[in-house]
Amino acid sequence: MLYLIDAQLPPALARAMRQAGFDAAHVVELGLATATDGVIWDEATSRSAVLVTKDRDFSLLRVAKGEGPIVLWVRVGNIDDRTLIDQLLSAMPQIGEAVGRDEAVIEFVGC
C-alpha cells in the first residue's frame, strides 16, 4: 500500500517511512509540489494510495464523496519533524490495521 504524503508534511516523513519498510512517496518526489488538491486527490485515487495529510478538507471530501482514497488525517500541533516522524512510525501498526479495515478517514492525533 502506497502512502502518499501531502505537501504540508515534510519530505523526510516519506524517506523515514521507506526506511521503516513502508511504500511511501511525497508529492514533491512526484512533481506535485504545487498541485491542486484535486490533482493530489486524483493521484492518490489512481495509485490506490493512502493520502497522508494535515489538510482537513481531504477528510471532509472523503466523507462527502463516500469514495476515493483512504485519508490519514494528521492532527498534530506545531511539532518538529523528528517528533512527528517518530510518533507516526510508532502508530503505524494501528494505522495499518485501520487501512486493512478500509476505514475512509483515519485520524492521527499523536501524543
N, C-alpha and C. Protein backbone atom coordinates (compact mmCIF):
# COMPACT_ATOMS: atom_id res chain seq x y z
N MET A 1 0.85 -1.17 0.00
CA MET A 1 0.00 0.00 0.00
C MET A 1 0.90 1.24 0.00
N LEU A 2 0.66 2.13 -0.95
CA LEU A 2 1.42 3.37 -1.02
C LEU A 2 0.81 4.41 -0.08
N TYR A 3 1.67 5.09 0.65
CA TYR A 3 1.28 6.24 1.46
C TYR A 3 1.76 7.47 0.73
N LEU A 4 0.82 8.28 0.23
CA LEU A 4 1.15 9.50 -0.50
C LEU A 4 1.11 10.66 0.48
N ILE A 5 2.28 11.27 0.71
CA ILE A 5 2.43 12.32 1.71
C ILE A 5 2.17 13.68 1.07
N ASP A 6 1.23 14.42 1.63
CA ASP A 6 0.84 15.73 1.11
C ASP A 6 1.90 16.79 1.44
N ALA A 7 1.79 17.94 0.79
CA ALA A 7 2.81 18.99 0.83
C ALA A 7 3.02 19.61 2.21
N GLN A 8 2.00 19.62 3.08
CA GLN A 8 2.18 20.27 4.38
C GLN A 8 3.06 19.45 5.33
N LEU A 9 3.32 18.23 4.96
CA LEU A 9 4.16 17.35 5.77
C LEU A 9 5.54 17.25 5.15
N PRO A 10 6.55 17.01 5.95
CA PRO A 10 7.93 17.06 5.44
C PRO A 10 8.27 15.86 4.54
N PRO A 11 9.05 16.11 3.48
CA PRO A 11 9.53 15.00 2.65
C PRO A 11 10.30 13.96 3.46
N ALA A 12 10.90 14.37 4.56
CA ALA A 12 11.62 13.42 5.41
C ALA A 12 10.70 12.32 5.95
N LEU A 13 9.40 12.60 6.06
CA LEU A 13 8.46 11.59 6.51
C LEU A 13 8.40 10.44 5.51
N ALA A 14 8.33 10.75 4.24
CA ALA A 14 8.31 9.69 3.22
C ALA A 14 9.60 8.87 3.27
N ARG A 15 10.73 9.55 3.40
CA ARG A 15 12.01 8.83 3.47
C ARG A 15 12.06 7.91 4.69
N ALA A 16 11.62 8.42 5.83
CA ALA A 16 11.63 7.62 7.06
C ALA A 16 10.68 6.42 6.94
N MET A 17 9.54 6.63 6.34
CA MET A 17 8.60 5.52 6.16
C MET A 17 9.19 4.45 5.26
N ARG A 18 9.86 4.86 4.18
CA ARG A 18 10.51 3.88 3.30
C ARG A 18 11.59 3.11 4.06
N GLN A 19 12.38 3.82 4.86
CA GLN A 19 13.43 3.16 5.64
C GLN A 19 12.84 2.16 6.62
N ALA A 20 11.62 2.42 7.07
CA ALA A 20 10.93 1.52 8.00
C ALA A 20 10.19 0.40 7.28
N GLY A 21 10.28 0.38 5.95
CA GLY A 21 9.68 -0.71 5.19
C GLY A 21 8.33 -0.44 4.57
N PHE A 22 7.88 0.81 4.61
CA PHE A 22 6.59 1.17 4.03
C PHE A 22 6.80 1.79 2.66
N ASP A 23 5.85 1.58 1.78
CA ASP A 23 5.87 2.20 0.46
C ASP A 23 5.31 3.61 0.62
N ALA A 24 6.15 4.62 0.44
CA ALA A 24 5.73 6.00 0.67
C ALA A 24 6.39 6.91 -0.34
N ALA A 25 5.65 7.95 -0.73
CA ALA A 25 6.18 8.97 -1.63
C ALA A 25 5.61 10.30 -1.20
N HIS A 26 6.43 11.33 -1.31
CA HIS A 26 5.99 12.70 -1.02
C HIS A 26 5.58 13.33 -2.34
N VAL A 27 4.59 14.22 -2.30
CA VAL A 27 4.13 14.87 -3.53
C VAL A 27 5.27 15.57 -4.26
N VAL A 28 6.25 16.09 -3.53
CA VAL A 28 7.40 16.74 -4.16
C VAL A 28 8.16 15.75 -5.04
N GLU A 29 8.30 14.52 -4.57
CA GLU A 29 9.01 13.49 -5.32
C GLU A 29 8.29 13.11 -6.61
N LEU A 30 6.99 13.36 -6.65
CA LEU A 30 6.19 13.03 -7.83
C LEU A 30 5.95 14.24 -8.72
N GLY A 31 6.61 15.36 -8.43
CA GLY A 31 6.43 16.57 -9.22
C GLY A 31 5.11 17.27 -8.96
N LEU A 32 4.54 17.05 -7.79
CA LEU A 32 3.22 17.61 -7.46
C LEU A 32 3.29 18.64 -6.34
N ALA A 33 4.44 19.28 -6.17
CA ALA A 33 4.61 20.22 -5.06
C ALA A 33 3.60 21.35 -5.08
N THR A 34 3.24 21.82 -6.26
CA THR A 34 2.30 22.94 -6.36
C THR A 34 0.95 22.51 -6.93
N ALA A 35 0.71 21.22 -6.92
CA ALA A 35 -0.54 20.69 -7.48
C ALA A 35 -1.73 21.10 -6.62
N THR A 36 -2.87 21.20 -7.25
CA THR A 36 -4.11 21.49 -6.53
C THR A 36 -4.54 20.27 -5.73
N ASP A 37 -5.43 20.50 -4.78
CA ASP A 37 -5.97 19.38 -4.01
C ASP A 37 -6.61 18.34 -4.92
N GLY A 38 -7.30 18.80 -5.96
CA GLY A 38 -7.95 17.88 -6.88
C GLY A 38 -6.97 16.97 -7.59
N VAL A 39 -5.85 17.53 -8.00
CA VAL A 39 -4.83 16.72 -8.67
C VAL A 39 -4.23 15.71 -7.69
N ILE A 40 -3.97 16.14 -6.47
CA ILE A 40 -3.42 15.22 -5.47
C ILE A 40 -4.43 14.13 -5.14
N TRP A 41 -5.68 14.50 -5.01
CA TRP A 41 -6.75 13.53 -4.76
C TRP A 41 -6.78 12.49 -5.88
N ASP A 42 -6.76 12.95 -7.12
CA ASP A 42 -6.80 12.04 -8.27
C ASP A 42 -5.58 11.13 -8.31
N GLU A 43 -4.42 11.69 -7.96
CA GLU A 43 -3.19 10.89 -7.94
C GLU A 43 -3.29 9.78 -6.88
N ALA A 44 -3.76 10.13 -5.71
CA ALA A 44 -3.92 9.13 -4.65
C ALA A 44 -4.93 8.07 -5.07
N THR A 45 -6.02 8.49 -5.68
CA THR A 45 -7.04 7.55 -6.13
C THR A 45 -6.48 6.62 -7.19
N SER A 46 -5.79 7.16 -8.19
CA SER A 46 -5.29 6.33 -9.29
C SER A 46 -4.23 5.33 -8.81
N ARG A 47 -3.53 5.67 -7.75
CA ARG A 47 -2.49 4.78 -7.21
C ARG A 47 -3.02 3.89 -6.08
N SER A 48 -4.30 4.01 -5.76
CA SER A 48 -4.89 3.29 -4.61
C SER A 48 -4.06 3.55 -3.36
N ALA A 49 -3.66 4.80 -3.19
CA ALA A 49 -2.79 5.19 -2.08
C ALA A 49 -3.59 5.70 -0.89
N VAL A 50 -2.96 5.63 0.26
CA VAL A 50 -3.47 6.31 1.44
C VAL A 50 -2.93 7.73 1.36
N LEU A 51 -3.80 8.70 1.41
CA LEU A 51 -3.41 10.10 1.34
C LEU A 51 -3.14 10.61 2.75
N VAL A 52 -1.87 10.92 3.04
CA VAL A 52 -1.44 11.36 4.36
C VAL A 52 -1.36 12.88 4.32
N THR A 53 -2.16 13.54 5.15
CA THR A 53 -2.30 14.99 5.03
C THR A 53 -2.63 15.64 6.35
N LYS A 54 -2.32 16.92 6.47
CA LYS A 54 -2.77 17.73 7.59
C LYS A 54 -4.01 18.54 7.20
N ASP A 55 -4.40 18.45 5.95
CA ASP A 55 -5.49 19.24 5.39
C ASP A 55 -6.85 18.60 5.71
N ARG A 56 -7.62 19.25 6.55
CA ARG A 56 -8.94 18.74 6.94
C ARG A 56 -9.87 18.59 5.74
N ASP A 57 -9.67 19.42 4.72
CA ASP A 57 -10.55 19.37 3.55
C ASP A 57 -10.57 18.00 2.90
N PHE A 58 -9.44 17.30 2.90
CA PHE A 58 -9.42 15.97 2.30
C PHE A 58 -10.29 14.99 3.07
N SER A 59 -10.27 15.06 4.38
CA SER A 59 -11.12 14.15 5.15
C SER A 59 -12.59 14.47 4.94
N LEU A 60 -12.93 15.76 4.87
CA LEU A 60 -14.32 16.14 4.60
C LEU A 60 -14.75 15.69 3.21
N LEU A 61 -13.86 15.83 2.24
CA LEU A 61 -14.16 15.40 0.88
C LEU A 61 -14.39 13.90 0.81
N ARG A 62 -13.58 13.14 1.52
CA ARG A 62 -13.71 11.68 1.51
C ARG A 62 -15.05 11.25 2.08
N VAL A 63 -15.45 11.88 3.17
CA VAL A 63 -16.73 11.55 3.80
C VAL A 63 -17.88 11.97 2.89
N ALA A 64 -17.79 13.14 2.29
CA ALA A 64 -18.87 13.64 1.43
C ALA A 64 -19.03 12.79 0.17
N LYS A 65 -17.93 12.40 -0.43
CA LYS A 65 -17.99 11.61 -1.67
C LYS A 65 -18.35 10.16 -1.42
N GLY A 66 -17.94 9.64 -0.28
CA GLY A 66 -18.18 8.23 0.00
C GLY A 66 -17.28 7.31 -0.81
N GLU A 67 -16.29 7.88 -1.47
CA GLU A 67 -15.34 7.08 -2.25
C GLU A 67 -14.06 7.89 -2.41
N GLY A 68 -13.05 7.24 -2.89
CA GLY A 68 -11.76 7.90 -3.07
C GLY A 68 -10.72 7.23 -2.19
N PRO A 69 -9.59 7.88 -2.04
CA PRO A 69 -8.52 7.26 -1.26
C PRO A 69 -8.83 7.26 0.24
N ILE A 70 -8.22 6.34 0.94
CA ILE A 70 -8.23 6.42 2.40
C ILE A 70 -7.44 7.67 2.77
N VAL A 71 -7.94 8.43 3.71
CA VAL A 71 -7.28 9.65 4.15
C VAL A 71 -6.74 9.44 5.57
N LEU A 72 -5.44 9.60 5.72
CA LEU A 72 -4.82 9.60 7.04
C LEU A 72 -4.62 11.06 7.41
N TRP A 73 -5.51 11.54 8.28
CA TRP A 73 -5.54 12.95 8.66
C TRP A 73 -4.63 13.13 9.88
N VAL A 74 -3.52 13.81 9.68
CA VAL A 74 -2.52 14.04 10.71
C VAL A 74 -2.89 15.31 11.46
N ARG A 75 -3.31 15.13 12.70
CA ARG A 75 -3.77 16.25 13.52
C ARG A 75 -2.83 16.46 14.69
N VAL A 76 -1.69 17.03 14.39
CA VAL A 76 -0.72 17.35 15.43
C VAL A 76 -0.46 18.84 15.36
N GLY A 77 -0.09 19.40 16.48
CA GLY A 77 0.23 20.82 16.51
C GLY A 77 1.58 21.08 15.85
N ASN A 78 2.14 22.18 16.17
CA ASN A 78 3.44 22.53 15.63
C ASN A 78 4.53 21.78 16.40
N ILE A 79 4.91 20.65 15.85
CA ILE A 79 5.99 19.87 16.45
C ILE A 79 7.10 19.73 15.43
N ASP A 80 8.28 19.44 15.91
CA ASP A 80 9.40 19.31 14.99
C ASP A 80 9.26 18.03 14.16
N ASP A 81 9.93 18.02 13.03
CA ASP A 81 9.81 16.91 12.08
C ASP A 81 10.17 15.57 12.72
N ARG A 82 11.25 15.54 13.49
CA ARG A 82 11.70 14.27 14.09
C ARG A 82 10.64 13.71 15.02
N THR A 83 10.02 14.56 15.83
CA THR A 83 8.97 14.10 16.74
C THR A 83 7.78 13.58 15.95
N LEU A 84 7.38 14.31 14.93
CA LEU A 84 6.27 13.87 14.08
C LEU A 84 6.57 12.50 13.47
N ILE A 85 7.74 12.37 12.91
CA ILE A 85 8.12 11.10 12.27
C ILE A 85 8.12 9.96 13.29
N ASP A 86 8.73 10.19 14.44
CA ASP A 86 8.78 9.15 15.47
C ASP A 86 7.38 8.74 15.92
N GLN A 87 6.52 9.72 16.14
CA GLN A 87 5.16 9.41 16.60
C GLN A 87 4.37 8.65 15.53
N LEU A 88 4.48 9.10 14.29
CA LEU A 88 3.73 8.44 13.22
C LEU A 88 4.23 7.02 12.99
N LEU A 89 5.54 6.84 12.97
CA LEU A 89 6.08 5.49 12.78
C LEU A 89 5.67 4.56 13.92
N SER A 90 5.62 5.08 15.13
CA SER A 90 5.18 4.27 16.27
C SER A 90 3.73 3.84 16.14
N ALA A 91 2.93 4.66 15.48
CA ALA A 91 1.50 4.36 15.32
C ALA A 91 1.19 3.53 14.08
N MET A 92 2.19 3.24 13.26
CA MET A 92 1.91 2.55 12.00
C MET A 92 1.24 1.18 12.17
N PRO A 93 1.52 0.40 13.21
CA PRO A 93 0.75 -0.85 13.35
C PRO A 93 -0.76 -0.61 13.45
N GLN A 94 -1.16 0.37 14.25
CA GLN A 94 -2.58 0.68 14.39
C GLN A 94 -3.13 1.31 13.11
N ILE A 95 -2.34 2.16 12.48
CA ILE A 95 -2.76 2.77 11.22
C ILE A 95 -2.94 1.69 10.17
N GLY A 96 -2.00 0.76 10.10
CA GLY A 96 -2.10 -0.35 9.15
C GLY A 96 -3.36 -1.18 9.37
N GLU A 97 -3.72 -1.39 10.62
CA GLU A 97 -4.96 -2.13 10.92
C GLU A 97 -6.18 -1.37 10.40
N ALA A 98 -6.20 -0.06 10.60
CA ALA A 98 -7.32 0.76 10.13
C ALA A 98 -7.38 0.76 8.60
N VAL A 99 -6.22 0.82 7.96
CA VAL A 99 -6.18 0.73 6.49
C VAL A 99 -6.72 -0.63 6.07
N GLY A 100 -6.32 -1.67 6.76
CA GLY A 100 -6.81 -3.02 6.44
C GLY A 100 -8.32 -3.16 6.58
N ARG A 101 -8.90 -2.39 7.48
CA ARG A 101 -10.37 -2.38 7.64
C ARG A 101 -11.04 -1.47 6.61
N ASP A 102 -10.22 -0.82 5.79
CA ASP A 102 -10.70 0.08 4.74
C ASP A 102 -11.48 1.27 5.31
N GLU A 103 -10.99 1.78 6.45
CA GLU A 103 -11.61 2.96 7.03
C GLU A 103 -11.41 4.15 6.10
N ALA A 104 -12.43 4.94 5.91
CA ALA A 104 -12.36 6.07 4.97
C ALA A 104 -11.41 7.15 5.45
N VAL A 105 -11.53 7.52 6.72
CA VAL A 105 -10.68 8.56 7.31
C VAL A 105 -10.11 8.02 8.61
N ILE A 106 -8.80 8.11 8.71
CA ILE A 106 -8.09 7.69 9.91
C ILE A 106 -7.48 8.94 10.52
N GLU A 107 -7.83 9.24 11.75
CA GLU A 107 -7.27 10.42 12.42
C GLU A 107 -6.06 10.01 13.25
N PHE A 108 -4.95 10.69 13.01
CA PHE A 108 -3.77 10.50 13.83
C PHE A 108 -3.57 11.78 14.64
N VAL A 109 -3.71 11.66 15.95
CA VAL A 109 -3.64 12.83 16.81
C VAL A 109 -2.24 12.97 17.43
N GLY A 110 -1.50 11.92 17.54
CA GLY A 110 -0.18 11.99 18.14
C GLY A 110 -0.26 11.98 19.64
N CYS A 111 0.88 12.19 20.26
CA CYS A 111 0.95 12.13 21.74
C CYS A 111 0.87 13.50 22.35
